[in-house]
Amino acid sequence: MSRYRVTFVALLALVLGGCTVYVRPDTTPPVRPVPVSVEAIRTFEPTRGAGAVYDLGSTISFRLLTTQDGYVTLTSFGAGGVVRVFERNVFVRANTPVELPGDVRRVAYEVSPPRGERTVRASFSPEPFPDELPEGALDEAETTFFVR
């Protein structure tokens, strides 16, 4: 029995010792960087001001001013750790103050549970954001408010 074990282990060592792993080069096309001004978002805040307190069920809107034409996506970072994109690819003109959602869409952003501090991030790009997570240089601004 022991001779078979030694032979088996020797064969296994030979087989495993001869394994070669080949790694194929990445064949995905390179991402073309899009030029973005470092300060593309000049102003981003709730209409009641940064740090404002909102009740559950109340509506909230945001003031936004950019230095170039492009697209803005709004993302909420909730008190429960939930990250949610709630507005995607809103076209904005350079140096034109915008109130979101009022000036762009006939909807309202309603404050929903859970209670606690929220952060909303405005992400800017000169091209529409794809459905996947964007790569490259982006300009982002954040504002924070509290839900009681």
C-alpha atoms as a PDB file:
ATOM      1  CA  MET A   1       0.000   0.000   0.000  1.00  0.00           C
ATOM      2  CA  SER A   2       2.691   2.442   0.881  1.00  0.00           C
ATOM      3  CA  ARG A   3       4.394   1.899  -2.495  1.00  0.00           C
ATOM      4  CA  TYR A   4       1.166   2.879  -4.289  1.00  0.00           C
ATOM      5  CA  ARG A   5       0.857   5.971  -2.148  1.00  0.00           C
ATOM      6  CA  VAL A   6       4.420   7.046  -2.880  1.00  0.00           C
ATOM      7  CA  THR A   7       3.892   6.444  -6.606  1.00  0.00           C
ATOM      8  CA  PHE A   8       0.606   8.370  -6.541  1.00  0.00           C
ATOM      9  CA  VAL A   9       2.167  11.327  -4.700  1.00  0.00           C
ATOM     10  CA  ALA A  10       5.138  11.339  -7.109  1.00  0.00           C
ATOM     11  CA  LEU A  11       2.816  11.317 -10.154  1.00  0.00           C
ATOM     12  CA  LEU A  12       0.649  14.020  -8.608  1.00  0.00           C
ATOM     13  CA  ALA A  13       3.728  16.181  -7.981  1.00  0.00           C
ATOM     14  CA  LEU A  14       4.831  15.693 -11.589  1.00  0.00           C
ATOM     15  CA  VAL A  15       1.401  16.601 -12.950  1.00  0.00           C
ATOM     16  CA  LEU A  16       0.919  19.622 -10.710  1.00  0.00           C
ATOM     17  CA  GLY A  17       4.504  20.750 -11.147  1.00  0.00           C
ATOM     18  CA  GLY A  18       3.973  20.932 -14.893  1.00  0.00           C
ATOM     19  CA  CYS A  19       0.897  23.189 -14.721  1.00  0.00           C
ATOM     20  CA  THR A  20       1.278  26.545 -16.402  1.00  0.00           C
ATOM     21  CA  VAL A  21      -1.178  29.379 -16.019  1.00  0.00           C
ATOM     22  CA  TYR A  22      -1.557  31.761 -18.932  1.00  0.00           C
ATOM     23  CA  VAL A  23      -3.044  35.208 -18.374  1.00  0.00           C
ATOM     24  CA  ARG A  24      -4.564  36.805 -21.413  1.00  0.00           C
ATOM     25  CA  PRO A  25      -3.988  40.540 -21.825  1.00  0.00           C
ATOM     26  CA  ASP A  26      -7.004  42.775 -21.262  1.00  0.00           C
ATOM     27  CA  THR A  27      -8.799  43.112 -24.594  1.00  0.00           C
ATOM     28  CA  THR A  28     -11.360  45.700 -23.530  1.00  0.00           C
ATOM     29  CA  PRO A  29     -11.021  49.007 -25.351  1.00  0.00           C
ATOM     30  CA  PRO A  30      -9.399  51.801 -23.325  1.00  0.00           C
ATOM     31  CA  VAL A  31     -11.636  54.416 -21.730  1.00  0.00           C
ATOM     32  CA  ARG A  32     -11.314  57.770 -23.468  1.00  0.00           C
ATOM     33  CA  PRO A  33     -10.973  60.481 -20.826  1.00  0.00           C
ATOM     34  CA  VAL A  34     -13.394  63.362 -21.190  1.00  0.00           C
ATOM     35  CA  PRO A  35     -12.083  66.832 -20.328  1.00  0.00           C
ATOM     36  CA  VAL A  36     -13.861  68.226 -17.284  1.00  0.00           C
ATOM     37  CA  SER A  37     -13.082  71.466 -15.530  1.00  0.00           C
ATOM     38  CA  VAL A  38     -12.002  70.777 -11.958  1.00  0.00           C
ATOM     39  CA  GLU A  39     -14.684  73.163 -10.786  1.00  0.00           C
ATOM     40  CA  ALA A  40     -17.519  72.239 -13.141  1.00  0.00           C
ATOM     41  CA  ILE A  41     -20.064  72.459 -10.299  1.00  0.00           C
ATOM     42  CA  ARG A  42     -19.971  75.963  -8.866  1.00  0.00           C
ATOM     43  CA  THR A  43     -22.996  75.689  -6.525  1.00  0.00           C
ATOM     44  CA  PHE A  44     -24.937  72.711  -5.170  1.00  0.00           C
ATOM     45  CA  GLU A  45     -27.156  72.949  -2.087  1.00  0.00           C
ATOM     46  CA  PRO A  46     -30.729  72.352  -0.880  1.00  0.00           C
ATOM     47  CA  THR A  47     -32.975  75.363  -1.444  1.00  0.00           C
ATOM     48  CA  ARG A  48     -33.229  75.736   2.360  1.00  0.00           C
ATOM     49  CA  GLY A  49     -29.413  75.769   2.580  1.00  0.00           C
ATOM     50  CA  ALA A  50     -26.777  73.213   3.541  1.00  0.00           C
ATOM     51  CA  GLY A  51     -27.443  71.595   6.912  1.00  0.00           C
ATOM     52  CA  ALA A  52     -31.201  72.296   6.769  1.00  0.00           C
ATOM     53  CA  VAL A  53     -33.608  70.012   8.669  1.00  0.00           C
ATOM     54  CA  TYR A  54     -36.495  68.323   6.823  1.00  0.00           C
ATOM     55  CA  ASP A  55     -39.482  66.348   8.120  1.00  0.00           C
ATOM     56  CA  LEU A  56     -40.377  62.947   6.695  1.00  0.00           C
ATOM     57  CA  GLY A  57     -42.745  63.395   3.752  1.00  0.00           C
ATOM     58  CA  SER A  58     -41.658  66.967   3.025  1.00  0.00           C
ATOM     59  CA  THR A  59     -40.334  67.890  -0.398  1.00  0.00           C
ATOM     60  CA  ILE A  60     -36.784  68.922  -1.097  1.00  0.00           C
ATOM     61  CA  SER A  61     -35.181  70.642  -4.065  1.00  0.00           C
ATOM     62  CA  PHE A  62     -31.622  71.655  -4.874  1.00  0.00           C
ATOM     63  CA  ARG A  63     -29.919  74.707  -6.399  1.00  0.00           C
ATOM     64  CA  LEU A  64     -27.256  73.917  -8.964  1.00  0.00           C
ATOM     65  CA  LEU A  65     -24.915  76.062 -11.040  1.00  0.00           C
ATOM     66  CA  THR A  66     -22.267  74.642 -13.385  1.00  0.00           C
ATOM     67  CA  THR A  67     -19.437  76.287 -15.301  1.00  0.00           C
ATOM     68  CA  GLN A  68     -20.010  74.252 -18.468  1.00  0.00           C
ATOM     69  CA  ASP A  69     -22.807  72.459 -20.325  1.00  0.00           C
ATOM     70  CA  GLY A  70     -23.218  68.850 -19.307  1.00  0.00           C
ATOM     71  CA  TYR A  71     -25.138  66.217 -17.406  1.00  0.00           C
ATOM     72  CA  VAL A  72     -25.744  65.876 -13.679  1.00  0.00           C
ATOM     73  CA  THR A  73     -26.651  62.757 -11.726  1.00  0.00           C
ATOM     74  CA  LEU A  74     -27.884  62.977  -8.117  1.00  0.00           C
ATOM     75  CA  THR A  75     -27.063  60.221  -5.634  1.00  0.00           C
ATOM     76  CA  SER A  76     -28.359  59.934  -2.063  1.00  0.00           C
ATOM     77  CA  PHE A  77     -26.300  58.394   0.751  1.00  0.00           C
ATOM     78  CA  GLY A  78     -28.902  57.544   3.393  1.00  0.00           C
ATOM     79  CA  ALA A  79     -28.679  57.201   7.152  1.00  0.00           C
ATOM     80  CA  GLY A  80     -29.218  53.439   6.855  1.00  0.00           C
ATOM     81  CA  GLY A  81     -26.209  53.032   4.563  1.00  0.00           C
ATOM     82  CA  VAL A  82     -28.344  52.867   1.417  1.00  0.00           C
ATOM     83  CA  VAL A  83     -26.902  54.482  -1.709  1.00  0.00           C
ATOM     84  CA  ARG A  84     -29.451  55.384  -4.387  1.00  0.00           C
ATOM     85  CA  VAL A  85     -29.290  57.264  -7.686  1.00  0.00           C
ATOM     86  CA  PHE A  86     -32.525  59.253  -7.787  1.00  0.00           C
ATOM     87  CA  GLU A  87     -31.910  61.524 -10.787  1.00  0.00           C
ATOM     88  CA  ARG A  88     -29.787  60.590 -13.784  1.00  0.00           C
ATOM     89  CA  ASN A  89     -28.438  62.582 -16.737  1.00  0.00           C
ATOM     90  CA  VAL A  90     -30.172  65.911 -16.194  1.00  0.00           C
ATOM     91  CA  PHE A  91     -28.883  68.249 -18.900  1.00  0.00           C
ATOM     92  CA  VAL A  92     -27.766  71.638 -17.546  1.00  0.00           C
ATOM     93  CA  ARG A  93     -26.445  74.735 -19.296  1.00  0.00           C
ATOM     94  CA  ALA A  94     -23.297  76.526 -18.183  1.00  0.00           C
ATOM     95  CA  ASN A  95     -23.722  79.541 -15.882  1.00  0.00           C
ATOM     96  CA  THR A  96     -27.511  79.070 -15.753  1.00  0.00           C
ATOM     97  CA  PRO A  97     -28.893  78.556 -12.221  1.00  0.00           C
ATOM     98  CA  VAL A  98     -31.140  75.490 -12.037  1.00  0.00           C
ATOM     99  CA  GLU A  99     -33.480  74.257  -9.327  1.00  0.00           C
ATOM    100  CA  LEU A 100     -33.849  70.485  -9.323  1.00  0.00           C
ATOM    101  CA  PRO A 101     -36.339  69.021  -9.934  1.00  0.00           C
ATOM    102  CA  GLY A 102     -38.541  72.092 -10.528  1.00  0.00           C
ATOM    103  CA  ASP A 103     -36.798  73.646 -13.543  1.00  0.00           C
ATOM    104  CA  VAL A 104     -36.200  70.312 -15.250  1.00  0.00           C
ATOM    105  CA  ARG A 105     -39.073  67.957 -14.440  1.00  0.00           C
ATOM    106  CA  ARG A 106     -42.569  68.240 -13.054  1.00  0.00           C
ATOM    107  CA  VAL A 107     -41.925  65.946 -10.098  1.00  0.00           C
ATOM    108  CA  ALA A 108     -40.987  66.444  -6.462  1.00  0.00           C
ATOM    109  CA  TYR A 109     -38.270  64.809  -4.398  1.00  0.00           C
ATOM    110  CA  GLU A 110     -39.924  63.563  -1.205  1.00  0.00           C
ATOM    111  CA  VAL A 111     -37.928  62.927   1.966  1.00  0.00           C
ATOM    112  CA  SER A 112     -38.459  59.291   2.995  1.00  0.00           C
ATOM    113  CA  PRO A 113     -37.329  57.068   5.903  1.00  0.00           C
ATOM    114  CA  PRO A 114     -35.045  56.346   7.623  1.00  0.00           C
ATOM    115  CA  ARG A 115     -34.484  59.382   9.803  1.00  0.00           C
ATOM    116  CA  GLY A 116     -30.982  60.777  10.224  1.00  0.00           C
ATOM    117  CA  GLU A 117     -28.306  62.616   8.301  1.00  0.00           C
ATOM    118  CA  ARG A 118     -28.318  62.349   4.503  1.00  0.00           C
ATOM    119  CA  THR A 119     -25.729  63.328   1.965  1.00  0.00           C
ATOM    120  CA  VAL A 120     -26.639  64.031  -1.647  1.00  0.00           C
ATOM    121  CA  ARG A 121     -23.887  64.047  -4.262  1.00  0.00           C
ATOM    122  CA  ALA A 122     -24.172  65.808  -7.616  1.00  0.00           C
ATOM    123  CA  SER A 123     -21.885  64.223 -10.226  1.00  0.00           C
ATOM    124  CA  PHE A 124     -21.153  66.164 -13.423  1.00  0.00           C
ATOM    125  CA  SER A 125     -19.988  64.948 -16.827  1.00  0.00           C
ATOM    126  CA  PRO A 126     -19.959  66.659 -20.250  1.00  0.00           C
ATOM    127  CA  GLU A 127     -21.387  63.415 -21.719  1.00  0.00           C
ATOM    128  CA  PRO A 128     -24.395  61.441 -20.410  1.00  0.00           C
ATOM    129  CA  PHE A 129     -23.493  58.940 -17.711  1.00  0.00           C
ATOM    130  CA  PRO A 130     -23.751  55.304 -18.843  1.00  0.00           C
ATOM    131  CA  ASP A 131     -25.890  52.850 -16.889  1.00  0.00           C
ATOM    132  CA  GLU A 132     -22.709  51.404 -15.389  1.00  0.00           C
ATOM    133  CA  LEU A 133     -20.491  53.225 -12.935  1.00  0.00           C
ATOM    134  CA  PRO A 134     -18.613  55.944 -14.848  1.00  0.00           C
ATOM    135  CA  GLU A 135     -14.822  56.011 -15.029  1.00  0.00           C
ATOM    136  CA  GLY A 136     -12.509  58.945 -15.598  1.00  0.00           C
ATOM    137  CA  ALA A 137     -12.343  62.479 -14.270  1.00  0.00           C
ATOM    138  CA  LEU A 138     -15.587  63.701 -12.770  1.00  0.00           C
ATOM    139  CA  ASP A 139     -16.440  66.776 -10.769  1.00  0.00           C
ATOM    140  CA  GLU A 140     -18.637  66.122  -7.763  1.00  0.00           C
ATOM    141  CA  ALA A 141     -20.193  68.303  -5.099  1.00  0.00           C
ATOM    142  CA  GLU A 142     -21.991  67.199  -1.941  1.00  0.00           C
ATOM    143  CA  THR A 143     -24.545  68.734   0.367  1.00  0.00           C
ATOM    144  CA  THR A 144     -25.863  67.428   3.673  1.00  0.00           C
ATOM    145  CA  PHE A 145     -29.217  67.817   5.426  1.00  0.00           C
ATOM    146  CA  PHE A 146     -30.968  66.139   8.359  1.00  0.00           C
ATOM    147  CA  VAL A 147     -34.287  64.233   8.409  1.00  0.00           C
ATOM    148  CA  ARG A 148     -36.144  64.311  11.708  1.00  0.00           C
END
